[in-house]
Every structure is written in C-alpha cells, then in structure tokens.
Amino acid sequence: MYPFGGLPENLTSFCGALRREYGFHIGAGELLDAARALEIVDLSNEQAVRSALRTVLACTHDDAARFDGAFDRFFLSRHDTEVQDEASTQKRRLRGDSTGEVDDMSQASDATTASSAEAVDIFGDVGPITPLETGDQEAEGAPVAGARYSPLGVEVSQAPEVAEVDEAWLAAARVLVRRLQLGPSRKWRAAPEGRRFDVRRTLRASLQTGSEPLSPKWLARPRRQPRFVVVVDGSRSMSQHAGTALKLASALMGATPRVEVFTFSTTLERVTSELKRASVTSTRRLHALASAWGGGTTIGQCLAEFLRRFGGRLLSPNTVVIVASDGLDVGDPETLRAAMQALRRRAAALVWLNPLLGTPGYEPTALGMRIAKPFVTTFASVNGLTDLVHLSRTVHLRS
C-alpha cells in the first residue's frame, strides 16, 4: 500500500498531492491531526487508514467525494516509475537539500513533528508493513518501486474480483427476495385495500368532494422484508468459486437494501461497503480483506466472531443467513458446532451454498461439512445463474 519506506514520506506526499491536484485546504494542523489519527488505527488495514485520513482531511462534501479516488490513485494505482520519481523528490524535500524551495507540506511536516511529541512515533518506520523487495533496492533504504497494499504479501491483482451483475442475475435475486417475504408487519400502512378503515386519510380526501367520503382509504399490514447476511469463504480452497458467491451477494444488494456481506478465511471481515463500491467502479476488486481472504479456513472461529460482533444487531427472526463455503475446515469442530447451532436458533433460515455439491459423486464427508449440515435449512450449490434460480425455488424459512 505504501509507496515509500517510511510514514513521513507517505503522509506528507499524499497531503501534498491532495492540496496540489485536488484543491484540498491542508496545512500543518491537518497534517498533525492526520498523524494522530494514524496512531490509533491498524496501519496494515487499508480501509482503516482510508477512513481515518478521510475523516481528518476531507473537510467539505466535495472533498469527501474526491477523496477515495485520490487515495486509490496515490496508494493503490501508482506506476513504478512514478513511485521512483516521487520517492527521490520527496526524500530531497524532507532532507532540505532540494535545489528549489522546500515544499510547503514538508515544512508542515517539520512543524508537526516539532509541535507534538505524539507525532514523533508516527513519523518513524511503518513497522509490520514491509514493502515488496526488489533486487536492485539501494542499501540505504530507498523506497521500493512497485509496492502495493497486500496484507498477505500477494499482489493486488490476486484480490477477489467482483463480477458485473446483469439483469438475469438481478431478476433471479428479486424472485428470491419476493418469495422469502415473512409474516405481516406490526405497523399499519396505507394501502389500496386493507382490513382497517383509515379515517384520517378518508376525511382528508373528502375535503375535495364537499365533505362526501366518496373514496374510502384503507390500512394494511404489509409483509415483512427479510434481511440477508451473506458470509463468503475466501480461503484458498474456495479461490475458484468465491467470486460467484460475491456476485450473488451483489445481485441481492441490487434487489434489496437489507443485505450485509462478510468474507472470512482465518478472520472475519465486513465488506458490505467495499462490495458496493467495487460493483460501480472500474477496479471491481476488494482489497481491504486482511486475513479474511486467501489463507486457511477456520469456519467455526469466524462464525463465532460474527455472532460476537454482529449477531445482536443483524440476527433476528427476519434474517436469512447464507454461508458460501466448501466446508473444508481446520478449526475446532466444537466451535463450529456451537456457532451453527446459534445461527440456526437465531435466524429465520440458514442456507449453505457449497460449490462442490454440483460435482458428480460428491458427498459432504469433510468433517466441517458433516458438523454444519444438520443445522442447515437449505443445502445447495453456488456455481452460476442456474443455481441462483434453483435457490429461489428451494430455500425455505423456519416455521
């Protein structure tokens, strides 16, 4: 993620780019605030760094609208030669040996570090973030060309890609949402037909007809819309199938606003906002996944983490939980059993989408799958549009 080896160069160069190229009003005070904000976030978490800097540096609605594009360009989309050129320029500015006048942002950096002892620590080495090494790196620690954000030490190109959702996928998702409408709401709402006479609206309408109630109005209790929680296994064994599960989640987002999406490998990561953003940008990749993508699989531990962090807010008799995983688990079996039991008890439906189910002769013999399956209300595959259409016909809710 970090083009330069140390945080001083990264922070001052980024703030300078915001000021010069995007018109942000940034001075020493903003630079100090940004440094303090970064002291309390995980510097290996791209989304945390992005959010912290946006909060401090984007002072207007226009700034906020431009910030993500500027952040992506500076930290995630820079060419090697661009990084090398700016690295050497930035080092001269910070050391004060440039032939020209020292950049104002470098002066702001000096003022920042001088005015607060708290800023000294943040202007040291990045710490656990190690740039990708190249064979010709200078011994004195010059910034490494081509460094990219990758918490697992892999290239950004290996981050999961969000496939474009076409109308057929959206139509199938709408059918699924429509079929899974729950019981009637507790609230009465205006409706063309209903079981309760709406006196207030009827009297208001009668004012247009000489106080004659010619158009009686009615109230009805609409059926409740389900909430969807989609949990996608991003482990290595799911590398060929997880993209389809993310596409299904995107289709559900297009059909209803009541969708939350998570990925997991050895930890759990909420990716609802990232998935929405990726589905409408040219990048179409999810980057801020840390160890929730590409590693081993501890399904029970990650589901337990979901229950602990999000269960109270997201799980209810209106919630449909969809887990997309092949069930290959290296975690504790009893943790998985307890998590599945809790999900089954607290949700309206627990759907398990296993891409291996479409393989001829497949049997769910893996230990993780054998433990999870008794708690599942719908067991299906997830390999394409046909599976989504089939899912809309077979998923059922807890009675």
Protein backbone atom coordinates (compact mmCIF):
# COMPACT_ATOMS: atom_id res chain seq x y z
CA MET A 1 0.00 0.00 0.00
CA TYR A 2 2.75 2.43 0.97
CA PRO A 3 4.81 3.77 -1.97
CA PHE A 4 7.63 4.96 0.33
CA GLY A 5 9.55 3.15 3.03
CA GLY A 6 8.61 5.40 5.97
CA LEU A 7 5.41 7.10 7.03
CA PRO A 8 6.73 10.71 6.86
CA GLU A 9 7.17 10.48 3.10
CA ASN A 10 3.83 8.72 2.63
CA LEU A 11 1.79 11.16 4.71
CA THR A 12 3.38 14.41 3.54
CA SER A 13 3.44 13.34 -0.10
CA PHE A 14 -0.21 12.28 0.00
CA CYS A 15 -1.29 15.51 1.70
CA GLY A 16 0.72 17.48 -0.84
CA ALA A 17 -0.99 15.63 -3.69
CA LEU A 18 -4.40 16.35 -2.18
CA ARG A 19 -3.57 20.05 -1.97
CA ARG A 20 -1.91 20.45 -5.37
CA GLU A 21 -4.01 18.15 -7.52
CA TYR A 22 -7.42 18.17 -5.81
CA GLY A 23 -7.63 21.58 -4.15
CA PHE A 24 -7.78 20.39 -0.52
CA HIS A 25 -7.01 23.02 2.11
CA ILE A 26 -4.33 21.26 4.15
CA GLY A 27 -1.73 22.79 6.42
CA ALA A 28 0.38 21.85 9.43
CA GLY A 29 -2.65 21.45 11.68
CA GLU A 30 -4.34 18.98 9.35
CA LEU A 31 -1.07 17.08 8.94
CA LEU A 32 -0.71 16.79 12.71
CA ASP A 33 -4.31 15.60 13.05
CA ALA A 34 -3.73 13.00 10.33
CA ALA A 35 -0.61 11.74 12.12
CA ARG A 36 -2.51 11.44 15.39
CA ALA A 37 -5.37 9.62 13.66
CA LEU A 38 -2.97 7.06 12.21
CA GLU A 39 -1.56 6.37 15.66
CA ILE A 40 -4.80 4.66 16.70
CA VAL A 41 -5.54 2.54 13.61
CA ASP A 42 -4.03 -0.64 12.21
CA LEU A 43 -1.63 0.56 9.51
CA SER A 44 -1.87 -2.78 7.70
CA ASN A 45 -5.63 -2.30 7.23
CA GLU A 46 -6.17 -0.23 4.10
CA GLN A 47 -9.81 0.54 4.93
CA ALA A 48 -8.93 1.75 8.42
CA VAL A 49 -6.21 4.04 7.07
CA ARG A 50 -8.55 5.33 4.36
CA SER A 51 -11.34 6.09 6.83
CA ALA A 52 -9.03 7.80 9.31
CA LEU A 53 -7.47 10.07 6.70
CA ARG A 54 -10.83 10.85 5.07
CA THR A 55 -12.27 11.93 8.41
CA VAL A 56 -9.40 14.34 9.07
CA LEU A 57 -8.54 15.64 5.60
CA ALA A 58 -11.91 15.79 3.79
CA CYS A 59 -13.46 18.92 5.28
CA THR A 60 -16.24 19.50 2.73
CA HIS A 61 -18.71 17.38 0.78
CA ASP A 62 -16.68 18.00 -2.38
CA ASP A 63 -13.51 16.86 -0.62
CA ALA A 64 -15.23 13.70 0.58
CA ALA A 65 -16.49 12.94 -2.92
CA ARG A 66 -12.96 13.23 -4.36
CA PHE A 67 -11.07 11.59 -1.53
CA ASP A 68 -11.46 7.91 -2.41
CA GLY A 69 -10.32 8.46 -5.97
CA ALA A 70 -7.28 10.38 -4.78
CA PHE A 71 -6.47 7.72 -2.18
CA ASP A 72 -6.75 4.89 -4.73
CA ARG A 73 -4.57 6.72 -7.22
CA PHE A 74 -1.85 7.50 -4.69
CA PHE A 75 -1.72 4.25 -2.73
CA LEU A 76 -3.18 1.54 -4.96
CA SER A 77 -2.71 2.51 -8.61
CA ARG A 78 0.72 4.07 -8.92
CA HIS A 79 3.18 3.05 -11.62
CA ASP A 80 6.71 2.01 -10.70
CA THR A 81 8.40 4.93 -12.45
CA GLU A 82 6.01 7.37 -10.83
CA VAL A 83 6.84 5.97 -7.41
CA GLN A 84 10.59 6.12 -8.06
CA ASP A 85 10.48 9.71 -9.32
CA GLU A 86 8.38 10.97 -6.47
CA ALA A 87 10.39 8.97 -3.94
CA SER A 88 13.64 10.71 -4.84
CA THR A 89 11.93 14.10 -4.97
CA GLN A 90 10.24 13.59 -1.63
CA LYS A 91 13.46 12.48 0.06
CA ARG A 92 15.23 15.65 -1.11
CA ARG A 93 12.35 17.76 0.16
CA LEU A 94 12.29 16.13 3.56
CA ARG A 95 16.09 16.48 3.92
CA GLY A 96 16.01 20.08 2.72
CA ASP A 97 18.67 19.63 0.00
CA SER A 98 16.45 20.33 -2.99
CA THR A 99 17.76 22.99 -5.36
CA GLY A 100 14.38 24.66 -5.30
CA GLU A 101 12.31 25.89 -2.43
CA VAL A 102 11.29 23.25 0.08
CA ASP A 103 7.70 22.16 -0.45
CA ASP A 104 5.20 23.67 1.97
CA MET A 105 3.96 20.27 3.01
CA SER A 106 7.46 19.25 4.04
CA GLN A 107 7.66 22.40 6.15
CA ALA A 108 4.30 21.46 7.62
CA SER A 109 5.71 18.04 8.43
CA ASP A 110 8.63 19.63 10.28
CA ALA A 111 6.25 21.89 12.17
CA THR A 112 4.10 18.92 13.01
CA THR A 113 6.87 16.83 14.47
CA ALA A 114 8.28 19.80 16.37
CA SER A 115 4.95 20.83 17.87
CA SER A 116 3.91 17.49 19.29
CA ALA A 117 5.87 14.68 20.88
CA GLU A 118 2.98 12.41 19.99
CA ALA A 119 3.78 12.85 16.33
CA VAL A 120 7.36 11.62 16.70
CA ASP A 121 6.41 7.94 16.93
CA ILE A 122 4.17 8.06 13.89
CA PHE A 123 6.99 9.55 11.80
CA GLY A 124 9.15 6.50 12.24
CA ASP A 125 9.22 3.24 10.37
CA VAL A 126 5.92 1.81 9.30
CA GLY A 127 6.61 -1.25 11.46
CA PRO A 128 5.00 -4.50 10.40
CA ILE A 129 4.34 -3.22 6.91
CA THR A 130 7.21 -4.43 4.76
CA PRO A 131 7.44 -3.17 1.17
CA LEU A 132 7.85 -5.74 -1.56
CA GLU A 133 11.57 -6.07 -2.14
CA THR A 134 13.31 -5.78 -5.47
CA GLY A 135 16.72 -6.99 -6.48
CA ASP A 136 18.16 -3.53 -7.04
CA GLN A 137 16.97 -1.88 -3.84
CA GLU A 138 19.54 0.56 -2.52
CA ALA A 139 21.32 -0.42 0.67
CA GLU A 140 20.45 2.85 2.38
CA GLY A 141 16.75 2.01 2.32
CA ALA A 142 15.43 3.87 -0.68
CA PRO A 143 11.70 3.48 -1.23
CA VAL A 144 10.84 0.31 -3.06
CA ALA A 145 9.33 0.69 -6.51
CA GLY A 146 6.05 -1.03 -7.14
CA ALA A 147 4.99 -1.56 -3.53
CA ARG A 148 1.30 -2.31 -3.26
CA TYR A 149 -1.12 -2.80 -0.40
CA SER A 150 -1.29 -6.51 0.33
CA PRO A 151 -1.66 -7.73 3.90
CA LEU A 152 -0.90 -11.29 2.85
CA GLY A 153 2.14 -10.40 0.74
CA VAL A 154 0.36 -11.00 -2.57
CA GLU A 155 -0.16 -8.68 -5.49
CA VAL A 156 -3.32 -6.60 -5.71
CA SER A 157 -4.20 -8.44 -8.92
CA GLN A 158 -4.92 -11.52 -6.77
CA ALA A 159 -7.57 -9.71 -4.73
CA PRO A 160 -11.08 -11.04 -5.44
CA GLU A 161 -12.77 -9.51 -8.43
CA VAL A 162 -16.42 -8.53 -8.30
CA ALA A 163 -18.12 -9.70 -11.48
CA GLU A 164 -20.68 -7.43 -13.10
CA VAL A 165 -24.27 -8.34 -12.27
CA ASP A 166 -26.52 -8.47 -15.33
CA GLU A 167 -30.30 -8.25 -15.48
CA ALA A 168 -30.77 -12.02 -15.35
CA TRP A 169 -28.95 -12.22 -12.01
CA LEU A 170 -30.93 -9.27 -10.67
CA ALA A 171 -34.21 -10.85 -11.76
CA ALA A 172 -33.35 -14.12 -10.02
CA ALA A 173 -32.35 -12.23 -6.86
CA ARG A 174 -35.64 -10.30 -6.89
CA VAL A 175 -37.56 -13.56 -7.15
CA LEU A 176 -35.67 -14.91 -4.15
CA VAL A 177 -36.39 -11.80 -2.09
CA ARG A 178 -40.05 -11.80 -3.09
CA ARG A 179 -40.51 -15.47 -2.24
CA LEU A 180 -38.96 -15.04 1.17
CA GLN A 181 -41.32 -12.35 2.42
CA LEU A 182 -42.13 -13.06 6.03
CA GLY A 183 -45.26 -12.59 8.10
CA PRO A 184 -47.22 -9.33 8.35
CA SER A 185 -45.60 -6.30 9.93
CA ARG A 186 -46.83 -4.93 13.23
CA LYS A 187 -47.35 -1.49 11.72
CA TRP A 188 -50.38 -0.49 9.67
CA ARG A 189 -49.63 1.36 6.45
CA ALA A 190 -51.69 3.00 3.70
CA ALA A 191 -52.78 0.51 1.03
CA PRO A 192 -55.27 0.33 -1.87
CA GLU A 193 -57.06 -2.44 0.03
CA GLY A 194 -56.86 -3.41 3.64
CA ARG A 195 -58.53 -4.68 6.76
CA ARG A 196 -58.69 -1.37 8.65
CA PHE A 197 -60.55 1.78 7.66
CA ASP A 198 -58.26 4.86 7.55
CA VAL A 199 -60.49 7.58 8.98
CA ARG A 200 -57.92 10.38 8.82
CA ARG A 201 -57.00 9.91 5.15
CA THR A 202 -60.63 9.41 4.20
CA LEU A 203 -61.69 12.68 5.85
CA ARG A 204 -58.78 14.50 4.23
CA ALA A 205 -59.77 13.18 0.80
CA SER A 206 -63.41 14.15 1.39
CA LEU A 207 -62.46 17.83 1.59
CA GLN A 208 -62.04 17.72 -2.19
CA THR A 209 -65.58 16.36 -2.69
CA GLY A 210 -67.62 18.64 -0.46
CA SER A 211 -67.06 16.53 2.64
CA GLU A 212 -68.58 13.50 0.94
CA PRO A 213 -66.42 10.39 1.64
CA LEU A 214 -66.53 9.09 -1.91
CA SER A 215 -63.08 7.47 -1.78
CA PRO A 216 -62.62 5.42 1.40
CA LYS A 217 -59.00 4.82 2.37
CA TRP A 218 -57.62 1.67 3.91
CA LEU A 219 -54.77 0.46 6.07
CA ALA A 220 -52.98 -2.88 5.80
CA ARG A 221 -50.10 -4.64 7.49
CA PRO A 222 -47.51 -5.27 4.76
CA ARG A 223 -45.44 -8.41 4.82
CA ARG A 224 -42.00 -8.02 6.35
CA GLN A 225 -38.95 -7.99 4.09
CA PRO A 226 -36.13 -10.36 5.10
CA ARG A 227 -32.62 -9.24 5.92
CA PHE A 228 -29.84 -11.17 4.19
CA VAL A 229 -26.45 -11.88 5.75
CA VAL A 230 -24.03 -13.41 3.22
CA VAL A 231 -20.83 -14.94 4.60
CA VAL A 232 -18.31 -15.95 1.90
CA ASP A 233 -15.43 -18.36 2.48
CA GLY A 234 -12.36 -16.71 0.95
CA SER A 235 -9.87 -19.49 1.70
CA ARG A 236 -7.53 -20.97 -0.90
CA SER A 237 -9.79 -23.98 -1.48
CA MET A 238 -12.61 -21.60 -2.49
CA SER A 239 -10.49 -19.47 -4.84
CA GLN A 240 -12.30 -20.70 -7.96
CA HIS A 241 -15.80 -20.28 -6.51
CA ALA A 242 -15.83 -17.35 -4.08
CA GLY A 243 -16.20 -14.85 -6.92
CA THR A 244 -19.56 -16.38 -7.84
CA ALA A 245 -20.69 -16.09 -4.22
CA LEU A 246 -19.71 -12.41 -4.20
CA LYS A 247 -21.66 -11.95 -7.43
CA LEU A 248 -24.70 -13.48 -5.74
CA ALA A 249 -24.25 -11.04 -2.86
CA SER A 250 -24.05 -8.14 -5.33
CA ALA A 251 -27.24 -9.33 -7.02
CA LEU A 252 -29.02 -9.41 -3.67
CA MET A 253 -27.81 -5.87 -3.00
CA GLY A 254 -29.44 -4.82 -6.25
CA ALA A 255 -32.71 -6.46 -5.22
CA THR A 256 -32.98 -5.21 -1.62
CA PRO A 257 -31.11 -2.75 0.61
CA ARG A 258 -31.25 -5.15 3.57
CA VAL A 259 -28.03 -7.04 2.81
CA GLU A 260 -24.80 -7.39 4.79
CA VAL A 261 -21.76 -9.19 3.35
CA PHE A 262 -18.76 -10.72 5.11
CA THR A 263 -15.73 -12.71 4.00
CA PHE A 264 -13.59 -14.99 6.10
CA SER A 265 -10.54 -17.20 5.99
CA THR A 266 -8.83 -17.19 9.38
CA THR A 267 -10.58 -13.96 10.45
CA LEU A 268 -13.86 -12.28 9.58
CA GLU A 269 -14.16 -9.02 7.63
CA ARG A 270 -17.28 -6.98 6.89
CA VAL A 271 -17.15 -6.00 3.20
CA THR A 272 -20.62 -4.55 2.57
CA SER A 273 -19.39 -1.04 1.72
CA GLU A 274 -16.39 -2.31 -0.25
CA LEU A 275 -18.61 -4.59 -2.34
CA LYS A 276 -21.00 -1.75 -3.13
CA ARG A 277 -18.10 0.48 -4.14
CA ALA A 278 -16.38 -2.20 -6.21
CA SER A 279 -19.57 -3.00 -8.10
CA VAL A 280 -19.77 0.54 -9.51
CA THR A 281 -16.08 1.33 -10.11
CA SER A 282 -13.66 0.31 -12.82
CA THR A 283 -11.39 -1.51 -10.35
CA ARG A 284 -14.05 -4.06 -9.32
CA ARG A 285 -11.77 -5.67 -6.74
CA LEU A 286 -11.94 -5.98 -2.97
CA HIS A 287 -8.62 -5.05 -1.40
CA ALA A 288 -9.18 -4.46 2.33
CA LEU A 289 -9.62 -8.08 3.37
CA ALA A 290 -6.51 -8.71 5.51
CA SER A 291 -6.50 -12.36 6.65
CA ALA A 292 -10.15 -12.78 5.64
CA TRP A 293 -9.02 -13.91 2.18
CA GLY A 294 -6.56 -16.35 0.66
CA GLY A 295 -5.42 -18.32 3.70
CA GLY A 296 -6.59 -21.40 5.56
CA THR A 297 -10.08 -21.88 6.93
CA THR A 298 -11.36 -21.68 10.49
CA ILE A 299 -15.09 -21.61 9.81
CA GLY A 300 -16.27 -22.07 13.38
CA GLN A 301 -13.96 -19.40 14.76
CA CYS A 302 -15.06 -16.89 12.12
CA LEU A 303 -18.77 -17.63 12.57
CA ALA A 304 -18.30 -17.27 16.32
CA GLU A 305 -16.64 -13.91 15.69
CA PHE A 306 -19.64 -12.87 13.59
CA LEU A 307 -22.02 -13.86 16.38
CA ARG A 308 -19.99 -11.93 18.94
CA ARG A 309 -19.51 -8.74 16.91
CA PHE A 310 -22.62 -8.53 14.74
CA GLY A 311 -25.15 -11.11 15.92
CA GLY A 312 -27.02 -8.83 18.28
CA ARG A 313 -27.61 -6.26 15.55
CA LEU A 314 -28.14 -8.43 12.47
CA LEU A 315 -29.72 -11.69 13.62
CA SER A 316 -33.47 -11.86 14.18
CA PRO A 317 -36.47 -13.93 13.05
CA ASN A 318 -36.33 -11.79 9.88
CA THR A 319 -32.75 -12.75 8.93
CA VAL A 320 -31.71 -15.21 6.23
CA VAL A 321 -28.07 -16.26 6.72
CA ILE A 322 -26.27 -17.54 3.61
CA VAL A 323 -22.90 -19.23 4.09
CA ALA A 324 -20.91 -19.94 0.91
CA SER A 325 -18.19 -22.48 1.72
CA ASP A 326 -16.88 -25.90 0.71
CA GLY A 327 -16.80 -26.91 4.37
CA LEU A 328 -13.08 -27.68 4.40
CA ASP A 329 -12.19 -26.54 7.90
CA VAL A 330 -9.04 -26.74 10.03
CA GLY A 331 -10.59 -25.15 13.11
CA ASP A 332 -12.07 -26.59 16.26
CA PRO A 333 -15.09 -28.81 15.47
CA GLU A 334 -16.94 -27.93 18.67
CA THR A 335 -16.60 -24.20 17.98
CA LEU A 336 -18.17 -24.77 14.57
CA ARG A 337 -20.97 -26.86 16.06
CA ALA A 338 -21.80 -24.21 18.67
CA ALA A 339 -21.74 -21.39 16.09
CA MET A 340 -24.00 -23.27 13.68
CA GLN A 341 -26.42 -24.10 16.48
CA ALA A 342 -26.61 -20.42 17.48
CA LEU A 343 -27.13 -19.28 13.88
CA ARG A 344 -29.87 -21.86 13.37
CA ARG A 345 -31.64 -20.78 16.55
CA ARG A 346 -31.47 -17.02 15.92
CA ALA A 347 -32.12 -16.75 12.16
CA ALA A 348 -35.19 -17.36 10.01
CA ALA A 349 -33.17 -19.57 7.65
CA LEU A 350 -29.63 -20.90 7.42
CA VAL A 351 -28.62 -21.55 3.81
CA TRP A 352 -25.32 -23.28 2.99
CA LEU A 353 -24.03 -22.93 -0.55
CA ASN A 354 -21.34 -25.50 -1.33
CA PRO A 355 -19.83 -25.27 -4.84
CA LEU A 356 -18.69 -28.89 -4.63
CA LEU A 357 -22.30 -30.03 -4.45
CA GLY A 358 -22.51 -29.66 -8.22
CA THR A 359 -19.67 -32.15 -8.71
CA PRO A 360 -20.86 -35.63 -9.79
CA GLY A 361 -20.43 -38.13 -6.98
CA TYR A 362 -19.75 -35.52 -4.32
CA GLU A 363 -20.69 -36.42 -0.76
CA PRO A 364 -20.33 -33.97 2.18
CA THR A 365 -17.84 -36.14 4.05
CA ALA A 366 -15.47 -33.36 5.20
CA LEU A 367 -15.63 -33.02 8.98
CA GLY A 368 -16.64 -29.35 8.85
CA MET A 369 -19.45 -30.06 6.42
CA ARG A 370 -20.69 -33.05 8.41
CA ILE A 371 -20.85 -30.91 11.55
CA ALA A 372 -22.60 -27.98 9.86
CA LYS A 373 -25.13 -29.80 7.69
CA PRO A 374 -27.63 -30.85 10.42
CA PHE A 375 -28.23 -27.18 11.24
CA VAL A 376 -28.73 -26.09 7.62
CA THR A 377 -32.24 -25.41 6.34
CA THR A 378 -31.23 -25.32 2.65
CA PHE A 379 -28.19 -27.07 1.18
CA ALA A 380 -27.37 -26.08 -2.41
CA SER A 381 -24.51 -25.31 -4.79
CA VAL A 382 -23.34 -21.91 -6.00
CA ASN A 383 -21.72 -22.09 -9.41
CA GLY A 384 -23.78 -19.82 -11.63
CA LEU A 385 -27.10 -18.24 -12.52
CA THR A 386 -28.86 -21.61 -12.74
CA ASP A 387 -28.01 -22.28 -9.10
CA LEU A 388 -29.41 -18.91 -8.04
CA VAL A 389 -32.65 -19.59 -9.91
CA HIS A 390 -32.86 -23.01 -8.27
CA LEU A 391 -32.15 -21.47 -4.88
CA SER A 392 -35.08 -19.08 -5.24
CA ARG A 393 -37.34 -22.13 -5.61
CA THR A 394 -35.94 -24.31 -2.84
CA VAL A 395 -34.95 -22.09 0.08
CA HIS A 396 -37.46 -22.18 2.91
CA LEU A 397 -37.87 -20.38 6.20
CA ARG A 398 -38.11 -21.76 9.69
CA SER A 399 -41.68 -22.47 10.66
